[in-house]
Amino acid sequence: MPNEVVVTRRGQTTIPTEIRRRLGIEEGSKLKVDIEGNRVVFEKVPSIFDLAGTSKLSGTEASRALDSLREDH
């Protein structure tokens, strides 16, 4: 079901609650924004928490990987 949103003077808009809920978009979630033809497309960027349990790394190895990522930013 299509939703309409309003773009503010600063170029901001609100993603409707149902869409955020269905896609697991929460405060602090990162989204990629792209243009496809005449459409604006948002795609959720998976966080490390979304990937929890999908790695074969041990807890220690995962912590080291996270520390390394933090150092890069």
PDB file of N, CA and C in Angstrom:
ATOM      1  N   MET A   1       0.839  -1.181   0.000  1.00  0.00           N
ATOM      2  CA  MET A   1       0.000   0.000   0.000  1.00  0.00           C
ATOM      3  C   MET A   1       0.882   1.242   0.000  1.00  0.00           C
ATOM      4  N   PRO A   2       0.788   2.057  -1.015  1.00  0.00           N
ATOM      5  CA  PRO A   2       1.640   3.260  -1.101  1.00  0.00           C
ATOM      6  C   PRO A   2       1.345   4.242   0.033  1.00  0.00           C
ATOM      7  N   ASN A   3       2.378   4.902   0.477  1.00  0.00           N
ATOM      8  CA  ASN A   3       2.267   5.933   1.502  1.00  0.00           C
ATOM      9  C   ASN A   3       2.745   7.245   0.907  1.00  0.00           C
ATOM     10  N   GLU A   4       2.167   8.337   1.347  1.00  0.00           N
ATOM     11  CA  GLU A   4       2.646   9.658   0.965  1.00  0.00           C
ATOM     12  C   GLU A   4       3.320  10.282   2.163  1.00  0.00           C
ATOM     13  N   VAL A   5       4.451  10.938   1.901  1.00  0.00           N
ATOM     14  CA  VAL A   5       5.153  11.665   2.949  1.00  0.00           C
ATOM     15  C   VAL A   5       5.441  13.061   2.432  1.00  0.00           C
ATOM     16  N   VAL A   6       5.743  13.964   3.332  1.00  0.00           N
ATOM     17  CA  VAL A   6       6.040  15.352   2.978  1.00  0.00           C
ATOM     18  C   VAL A   6       7.529  15.593   3.187  1.00  0.00           C
ATOM     19  N   VAL A   7       8.146  16.281   2.253  1.00  0.00           N
ATOM     20  CA  VAL A   7       9.546  16.655   2.376  1.00  0.00           C
ATOM     21  C   VAL A   7       9.591  18.053   2.985  1.00  0.00           C
ATOM     22  N   THR A   8      10.374  18.202   4.058  1.00  0.00           N
ATOM     23  CA  THR A   8      10.486  19.503   4.720  1.00  0.00           C
ATOM     24  C   THR A   8      11.410  20.421   3.933  1.00  0.00           C
ATOM     25  N   ARG A   9      11.457  21.657   4.352  1.00  0.00           N
ATOM     26  CA  ARG A   9      12.329  22.659   3.738  1.00  0.00           C
ATOM     27  C   ARG A   9      13.788  22.198   3.745  1.00  0.00           C
ATOM     28  N   ARG A  10      14.170  21.422   4.743  1.00  0.00           N
ATOM     29  CA  ARG A  10      15.553  20.946   4.864  1.00  0.00           C
ATOM     30  C   ARG A  10      15.778  19.626   4.134  1.00  0.00           C
ATOM     31  N   GLY A  11      14.780  19.153   3.383  1.00  0.00           N
ATOM     32  CA  GLY A  11      14.932  17.917   2.623  1.00  0.00           C
ATOM     33  C   GLY A  11      14.694  16.664   3.444  1.00  0.00           C
ATOM     34  N   GLN A  12      14.094  16.807   4.614  1.00  0.00           N
ATOM     35  CA  GLN A  12      13.853  15.660   5.488  1.00  0.00           C
ATOM     36  C   GLN A  12      12.437  15.137   5.296  1.00  0.00           C
ATOM     37  N   THR A  13      12.261  13.869   5.594  1.00  0.00           N
ATOM     38  CA  THR A  13      10.943  13.250   5.573  1.00  0.00           C
ATOM     39  C   THR A  13      10.902  12.192   6.656  1.00  0.00           C
ATOM     40  N   THR A  14       9.731  11.666   6.920  1.00  0.00           N
ATOM     41  CA  THR A  14       9.566  10.615   7.921  1.00  0.00           C
ATOM     42  C   THR A  14       9.153   9.333   7.222  1.00  0.00           C
ATOM     43  N   ILE A  15       9.837   8.255   7.544  1.00  0.00           N
ATOM     44  CA  ILE A  15       9.462   6.945   7.006  1.00  0.00           C
ATOM     45  C   ILE A  15       8.298   6.439   7.857  1.00  0.00           C
ATOM     46  N   PRO A  16       7.183   6.086   7.239  1.00  0.00           N
ATOM     47  CA  PRO A  16       6.028   5.639   8.015  1.00  0.00           C
ATOM     48  C   PRO A  16       6.360   4.465   8.944  1.00  0.00           C
ATOM     49  N   THR A  17       5.686   4.445  10.087  1.00  0.00           N
ATOM     50  CA  THR A  17       5.936   3.455  11.130  1.00  0.00           C
ATOM     51  C   THR A  17       5.867   2.026  10.618  1.00  0.00           C
ATOM     52  N   GLU A  18       4.844   1.689   9.847  1.00  0.00           N
ATOM     53  CA  GLU A  18       4.680   0.316   9.364  1.00  0.00           C
ATOM     54  C   GLU A  18       5.867  -0.115   8.505  1.00  0.00           C
ATOM     55  N   ILE A  19       6.367   0.779   7.676  1.00  0.00           N
ATOM     56  CA  ILE A  19       7.529   0.454   6.833  1.00  0.00           C
ATOM     57  C   ILE A  19       8.758   0.253   7.705  1.00  0.00           C
ATOM     58  N   ARG A  20       8.976   1.164   8.672  1.00  0.00           N
ATOM     59  CA  ARG A  20      10.123   1.006   9.586  1.00  0.00           C
ATOM     60  C   ARG A  20      10.035  -0.312  10.332  1.00  0.00           C
ATOM     61  N   ARG A  21       8.857  -0.643  10.799  1.00  0.00           N
ATOM     62  CA  ARG A  21       8.664  -1.885  11.569  1.00  0.00           C
ATOM     63  C   ARG A  21       8.961  -3.101  10.700  1.00  0.00           C
ATOM     64  N   ARG A  22       8.415  -3.131   9.493  1.00  0.00           N
ATOM     65  CA  ARG A  22       8.596  -4.296   8.612  1.00  0.00           C
ATOM     66  C   ARG A  22      10.049  -4.494   8.210  1.00  0.00           C
ATOM     67  N   LEU A  23      10.793  -3.389   8.061  1.00  0.00           N
ATOM     68  CA  LEU A  23      12.184  -3.496   7.623  1.00  0.00           C
ATOM     69  C   LEU A  23      13.184  -3.461   8.775  1.00  0.00           C
ATOM     70  N   GLY A  24      12.692  -3.311   9.996  1.00  0.00           N
ATOM     71  CA  GLY A  24      13.596  -3.281  11.144  1.00  0.00           C
ATOM     72  C   GLY A  24      14.443  -2.021  11.187  1.00  0.00           C
ATOM     73  N   ILE A  25      13.894  -0.919  10.696  1.00  0.00           N
ATOM     74  CA  ILE A  25      14.613   0.358  10.714  1.00  0.00           C
ATOM     75  C   ILE A  25      14.308   1.038  12.037  1.00  0.00           C
ATOM     76  N   GLU A  26      15.392   1.303  12.794  1.00  0.00           N
ATOM     77  CA  GLU A  26      15.263   1.939  14.100  1.00  0.00           C
ATOM     78  C   GLU A  26      16.135   3.178  14.131  1.00  0.00           C
ATOM     79  N   GLU A  27      16.013   3.949  15.196  1.00  0.00           N
ATOM     80  CA  GLU A  27      16.872   5.109  15.362  1.00  0.00           C
ATOM     81  C   GLU A  27      18.331   4.660  15.258  1.00  0.00           C
ATOM     82  N   GLY A  28      19.098   5.343  14.443  1.00  0.00           N
ATOM     83  CA  GLY A  28      20.505   4.996  14.256  1.00  0.00           C
ATOM     84  C   GLY A  28      20.759   4.047  13.098  1.00  0.00           C
ATOM     85  N   SER A  29      19.697   3.465  12.527  1.00  0.00           N
ATOM     86  CA  SER A  29      19.880   2.580  11.364  1.00  0.00           C
ATOM     87  C   SER A  29      20.460   3.392  10.212  1.00  0.00           C
ATOM     88  N   LYS A  30      21.274   2.738   9.408  1.00  0.00           N
ATOM     89  CA  LYS A  30      21.837   3.391   8.231  1.00  0.00           C
ATOM     90  C   LYS A  30      21.097   2.909   6.993  1.00  0.00           C
ATOM     91  N   LEU A  31      20.850   3.842   6.072  1.00  0.00           N
ATOM     92  CA  LEU A  31      20.178   3.528   4.824  1.00  0.00           C
ATOM     93  C   LEU A  31      21.027   4.001   3.662  1.00  0.00           C
ATOM     94  N   LYS A  32      21.053   3.202   2.595  1.00  0.00           N
ATOM     95  CA  LYS A  32      21.659   3.655   1.343  1.00  0.00           C
ATOM     96  C   LYS A  32      20.551   4.313   0.537  1.00  0.00           C
ATOM     97  N   VAL A  33      20.875   5.395  -0.139  1.00  0.00           N
ATOM     98  CA  VAL A  33      19.891   6.103  -0.952  1.00  0.00           C
ATOM     99  C   VAL A  33      20.393   6.106  -2.386  1.00  0.00           C
ATOM    100  N   ASP A  34      19.518   5.773  -3.316  1.00  0.00           N
ATOM    101  CA  ASP A  34      19.904   5.715  -4.720  1.00  0.00           C
ATOM    102  C   ASP A  34      18.736   6.192  -5.574  1.00  0.00           C
ATOM    103  N   ILE A  35      19.022   6.428  -6.828  1.00  0.00           N
ATOM    104  CA  ILE A  35      18.005   6.808  -7.797  1.00  0.00           C
ATOM    105  C   ILE A  35      17.868   5.676  -8.799  1.00  0.00           C
ATOM    106  N   GLU A  36      16.649   5.239  -9.034  1.00  0.00           N
ATOM    107  CA  GLU A  36      16.351   4.240 -10.057  1.00  0.00           C
ATOM    108  C   GLU A  36      15.284   4.845 -10.956  1.00  0.00           C
ATOM    109  N   GLY A  37      15.700   5.322 -12.134  1.00  0.00           N
ATOM    110  CA  GLY A  37      14.770   6.011 -13.021  1.00  0.00           C
ATOM    111  C   GLY A  37      14.322   7.287 -12.355  1.00  0.00           C
ATOM    112  N   ASN A  38      13.017   7.421 -12.117  1.00  0.00           N
ATOM    113  CA  ASN A  38      12.512   8.619 -11.439  1.00  0.00           C
ATOM    114  C   ASN A  38      12.103   8.315  -9.993  1.00  0.00           C
ATOM    115  N   ARG A  39      12.688   7.266  -9.423  1.00  0.00           N
ATOM    116  CA  ARG A  39      12.373   6.857  -8.056  1.00  0.00           C
ATOM    117  C   ARG A  39      13.566   7.080  -7.123  1.00  0.00           C
ATOM    118  N   VAL A  40      13.260   7.411  -5.893  1.00  0.00           N
ATOM    119  CA  VAL A  40      14.263   7.454  -4.834  1.00  0.00           C
ATOM    120  C   VAL A  40      14.123   6.135  -4.088  1.00  0.00           C
ATOM    121  N   VAL A  41      15.227   5.393  -3.959  1.00  0.00           N
ATOM    122  CA  VAL A  41      15.187   4.070  -3.340  1.00  0.00           C
ATOM    123  C   VAL A  41      16.069   4.077  -2.094  1.00  0.00           C
ATOM    124  N   PHE A  42      15.481   3.682  -0.980  1.00  0.00           N
ATOM    125  CA  PHE A  42      16.217   3.537   0.276  1.00  0.00           C
ATOM    126  C   PHE A  42      16.414   2.055   0.536  1.00  0.00           C
ATOM    127  N   GLU A  43      17.605   1.692   0.975  1.00  0.00           N
ATOM    128  CA  GLU A  43      17.888   0.294   1.308  1.00  0.00           C
ATOM    129  C   GLU A  43      18.601   0.255   2.654  1.00  0.00           C
ATOM    130  N   LYS A  44      18.104  -0.576   3.548  1.00  0.00           N
ATOM    131  CA  LYS A  44      18.713  -0.685   4.871  1.00  0.00           C
ATOM    132  C   LYS A  44      20.092  -1.328   4.744  1.00  0.00           C
ATOM    133  N   VAL A  45      21.071  -0.717   5.397  1.00  0.00           N
ATOM    134  CA  VAL A  45      22.421  -1.273   5.449  1.00  0.00           C
ATOM    135  C   VAL A  45      22.471  -2.164   6.684  1.00  0.00           C
ATOM    136  N   PRO A  46      22.780  -3.445   6.508  1.00  0.00           N
ATOM    137  CA  PRO A  46      22.811  -4.324   7.687  1.00  0.00           C
ATOM    138  C   PRO A  46      23.872  -3.878   8.689  1.00  0.00           C
ATOM    139  N   SER A  47      23.506  -3.898   9.952  1.00  0.00           N
ATOM    140  CA  SER A  47      24.473  -3.573  11.001  1.00  0.00           C
ATOM    141  C   SER A  47      25.129  -4.864  11.472  1.00  0.00           C
ATOM    142  N   ILE A  48      26.142  -4.733  12.259  1.00  0.00           N
ATOM    143  CA  ILE A  48      26.819  -5.902  12.804  1.00  0.00           C
ATOM    144  C   ILE A  48      25.840  -6.718  13.654  1.00  0.00           C
ATOM    145  N   PHE A  49      24.857  -6.042  14.269  1.00  0.00           N
ATOM    146  CA  PHE A  49      23.871  -6.735  15.108  1.00  0.00           C
ATOM    147  C   PHE A  49      22.896  -7.546  14.250  1.00  0.00           C
ATOM    148  N   ASP A  50      22.598  -7.057  13.037  1.00  0.00           N
ATOM    149  CA  ASP A  50      21.740  -7.816  12.127  1.00  0.00           C
ATOM    150  C   ASP A  50      22.409  -9.121  11.716  1.00  0.00           C
ATOM    151  N   LEU A  51      23.729  -9.117  11.720  1.00  0.00           N
ATOM    152  CA  LEU A  51      24.486 -10.278  11.274  1.00  0.00           C
ATOM    153  C   LEU A  51      24.861 -11.211  12.414  1.00  0.00           C
ATOM    154  N   ALA A  52      24.464 -10.873  13.625  1.00  0.00           N
ATOM    155  CA  ALA A  52      24.815 -11.685  14.795  1.00  0.00           C
ATOM    156  C   ALA A  52      24.384 -13.128  14.600  1.00  0.00           C
ATOM    157  N   GLY A  53      25.287 -14.033  14.890  1.00  0.00           N
ATOM    158  CA  GLY A  53      24.987 -15.453  14.787  1.00  0.00           C
ATOM    159  C   GLY A  53      25.214 -16.037  13.410  1.00  0.00           C
ATOM    160  N   THR A  54      25.612 -15.199  12.438  1.00  0.00           N
ATOM    161  CA  THR A  54      25.820 -15.705  11.084  1.00  0.00           C
ATOM    162  C   THR A  54      27.295 -15.933  10.780  1.00  0.00           C
ATOM    163  N   SER A  55      28.169 -15.601  11.719  1.00  0.00           N
ATOM    164  CA  SER A  55      29.606 -15.712  11.501  1.00  0.00           C
ATOM    165  C   SER A  55      30.161 -16.974  12.149  1.00  0.00           C
ATOM    166  N   LYS A  56      31.246 -17.454  11.591  1.00  0.00           N
ATOM    167  CA  LYS A  56      31.935 -18.595  12.182  1.00  0.00           C
ATOM    168  C   LYS A  56      33.070 -18.136  13.099  1.00  0.00           C
ATOM    169  N   LEU A  57      33.171 -16.800  13.298  1.00  0.00           N
ATOM    170  CA  LEU A  57      34.205 -16.264  14.174  1.00  0.00           C
ATOM    171  C   LEU A  57      33.852 -16.557  15.632  1.00  0.00           C
ATOM    172  N   SER A  58      34.886 -16.719  16.435  1.00  0.00           N
ATOM    173  CA  SER A  58      34.653 -16.851  17.878  1.00  0.00           C
ATOM    174  C   SER A  58      34.326 -15.461  18.421  1.00  0.00           C
ATOM    175  N   GLY A  59      33.853 -15.409  19.664  1.00  0.00           N
ATOM    176  CA  GLY A  59      33.554 -14.119  20.291  1.00  0.00           C
ATOM    177  C   GLY A  59      34.765 -13.205  20.321  1.00  0.00           C
ATOM    178  N   THR A  60      35.939 -13.768  20.615  1.00  0.00           N
ATOM    179  CA  THR A  60      37.165 -12.981  20.671  1.00  0.00           C
ATOM    180  C   THR A  60      37.522 -12.441  19.289  1.00  0.00           C
ATOM    181  N   GLU A  61      37.416 -13.283  18.278  1.00  0.00           N
ATOM    182  CA  GLU A  61      37.722 -12.857  16.907  1.00  0.00           C
ATOM    183  C   GLU A  61      36.750 -11.770  16.443  1.00  0.00           C
ATOM    184  N   ALA A  62      35.485 -11.922  16.804  1.00  0.00           N
ATOM    185  CA  ALA A  62      34.483 -10.922  16.433  1.00  0.00           C
ATOM    186  C   ALA A  62      34.774  -9.592  17.127  1.00  0.00           C
ATOM    187  N   SER A  63      35.173  -9.646  18.404  1.00  0.00           N
ATOM    188  CA  SER A  63      35.517  -8.421  19.131  1.00  0.00           C
ATOM    189  C   SER A  63      36.693  -7.710  18.482  1.00  0.00           C
ATOM    190  N   ARG A  64      37.695  -8.471  18.081  1.00  0.00           N
ATOM    191  CA  ARG A  64      38.856  -7.876  17.401  1.00  0.00           C
ATOM    192  C   ARG A  64      38.443  -7.232  16.082  1.00  0.00           C
ATOM    193  N   ALA A  65      37.562  -7.904  15.342  1.00  0.00           N
ATOM    194  CA  ALA A  65      37.091  -7.357  14.069  1.00  0.00           C
ATOM    195  C   ALA A  65      36.329  -6.054  14.304  1.00  0.00           C
ATOM    196  N   LEU A  66      35.487  -6.025  15.336  1.00  0.00           N
ATOM    197  CA  LEU A  66      34.753  -4.806  15.661  1.00  0.00           C
ATOM    198  C   LEU A  66      35.700  -3.680  16.061  1.00  0.00           C
ATOM    199  N   ASP A  67      36.686  -3.992  16.885  1.00  0.00           N
ATOM    200  CA  ASP A  67      37.666  -2.984  17.282  1.00  0.00           C
ATOM    201  C   ASP A  67      38.381  -2.415  16.069  1.00  0.00           C
ATOM    202  N   SER A  68      38.712  -3.260  15.131  1.00  0.00           N
ATOM    203  CA  SER A  68      39.384  -2.821  13.910  1.00  0.00           C
ATOM    204  C   SER A  68      38.482  -1.883  13.103  1.00  0.00           C
ATOM    205  N   LEU A  69      37.212  -2.224  12.995  1.00  0.00           N
ATOM    206  CA  LEU A  69      36.254  -1.379  12.275  1.00  0.00           C
ATOM    207  C   LEU A  69      36.115  -0.026  12.944  1.00  0.00           C
ATOM    208  N   ARG A  70      36.081  -0.021  14.261  1.00  0.00           N
ATOM    209  CA  ARG A  70      35.948   1.246  15.006  1.00  0.00           C
ATOM    210  C   ARG A  70      37.156   2.135  14.780  1.00  0.00           C
ATOM    211  N   GLU A  71      38.338   1.541  14.699  1.00  0.00           N
ATOM    212  CA  GLU A  71      39.563   2.305  14.478  1.00  0.00           C
ATOM    213  C   GLU A  71      39.556   2.973  13.109  1.00  0.00           C
ATOM    214  N   ASP A  72      38.905   2.343  12.131  1.00  0.00           N
ATOM    215  CA  ASP A  72      38.839   2.884  10.776  1.00  0.00           C
ATOM    216  C   ASP A  72      37.954   4.121  10.696  1.00  0.00           C
ATOM    217  N   HIS A  73      37.078   4.314  11.681  1.00  0.00           N
ATOM    218  CA  HIS A  73      36.160   5.454  11.633  1.00  0.00           C
ATOM    219  C   HIS A  73      36.568   6.417  12.672  1.00  0.00           C
TER     220      HIS A  73
END
